């Protein structure tokens, strides 16, 4: 089993969490992060996303596109 080093979900092939996992090292463990643990919450719409921009706030690409902030 290849567990997420944060939440301990199985990220092994065939679990549905394999394709979006990423290699990670949190200082205590080395392994993988599942998609949920990689995601941050957008400060505007509050949806979790892995595609974001940091500019003091976390902004998802959808909010950037609708407001024109870049």
Protein backbone atom coordinates (compact mmCIF):
# COMPACT_ATOMS: atom_id res chain seq x y z
CA UNK A 1 0.00 0.00 0.00
CA UNK A 2 1.21 3.53 -0.80
CA UNK A 3 -0.48 5.85 1.67
CA UNK A 4 -0.79 9.63 1.46
CA UNK A 5 1.73 11.01 3.97
CA UNK A 6 -0.87 13.49 5.30
CA UNK A 7 -4.31 11.80 5.44
CA UNK A 8 -3.20 8.15 5.03
CA UNK A 9 -5.55 7.44 2.06
CA UNK A 10 -4.29 4.66 -0.20
CA UNK A 11 -2.73 6.11 -3.37
CA UNK A 12 -1.78 2.76 -4.92
CA UNK A 13 -2.59 1.84 -8.52
CA UNK A 14 -6.25 0.83 -8.82
CA UNK A 15 -7.52 2.91 -5.88
CA UNK A 16 -8.64 5.94 -7.89
CA UNK A 17 -6.07 8.08 -6.08
CA UNK A 18 -3.05 6.97 -8.11
CA UNK A 19 -3.35 9.24 -11.16
CA UNK A 20 -3.43 12.57 -9.27
CA UNK A 21 -0.97 11.78 -6.49
CA UNK A 22 2.31 13.67 -6.28
CA UNK A 23 5.64 12.86 -4.70
CA UNK A 24 6.15 14.63 -1.41
CA UNK A 25 8.40 14.97 1.60
CA UNK A 26 6.96 16.74 4.65
CA UNK A 27 10.11 16.49 6.76
CA UNK A 28 8.77 13.52 8.71
CA UNK A 29 7.84 11.18 5.88
CA UNK A 30 8.62 10.72 2.22
CA UNK A 31 6.00 9.38 -0.18
CA UNK A 32 2.93 10.77 -1.90
CA UNK A 33 0.14 13.32 -1.41
CA UNK A 34 -3.39 12.54 -2.59
CA UNK A 35 -5.28 15.15 -4.63
CA UNK A 36 -7.28 16.31 -1.59
CA UNK A 37 -4.13 17.04 0.42
CA UNK A 38 -2.56 18.90 -2.54
CA UNK A 39 -5.59 21.16 -2.93
CA UNK A 40 -6.00 24.61 -1.42
CA UNK A 41 -9.24 26.52 -0.86
CA UNK A 42 -9.82 29.58 -3.02
CA UNK A 43 -10.20 32.68 -0.83
CA UNK A 44 -13.03 34.02 -3.03
CA UNK A 45 -15.26 31.08 -3.98
CA UNK A 46 -14.05 28.65 -1.27
CA UNK A 47 -13.78 25.70 -3.68
CA UNK A 48 -10.79 23.38 -3.29
CA UNK A 49 -8.43 23.43 -6.26
CA UNK A 50 -4.95 22.37 -7.31
CA UNK A 51 -4.78 25.09 -9.97
CA UNK A 52 -4.31 28.39 -8.22
CA UNK A 53 -2.29 31.58 -8.06
CA UNK A 54 -0.81 32.98 -4.86
CA UNK A 55 -0.80 36.76 -4.62
CA UNK A 56 -1.36 37.31 -0.93
CA UNK A 57 -4.56 35.29 -1.40
CA UNK A 58 -5.16 31.88 -2.94
CA UNK A 59 -7.18 32.40 -6.13
CA UNK A 60 -8.45 29.57 -8.34
CA UNK A 61 -8.18 29.93 -12.10
CA UNK A 62 -11.96 30.27 -12.43
CA UNK A 63 -12.06 33.28 -10.10
CA UNK A 64 -9.07 34.85 -11.87
CA UNK A 65 -10.80 34.38 -15.25
CA UNK A 66 -14.11 35.90 -14.10
CA UNK A 67 -12.60 38.90 -12.32
CA UNK A 68 -9.68 39.55 -14.65
CA UNK A 69 -7.13 39.44 -11.83
CA UNK A 70 -3.77 38.16 -13.01
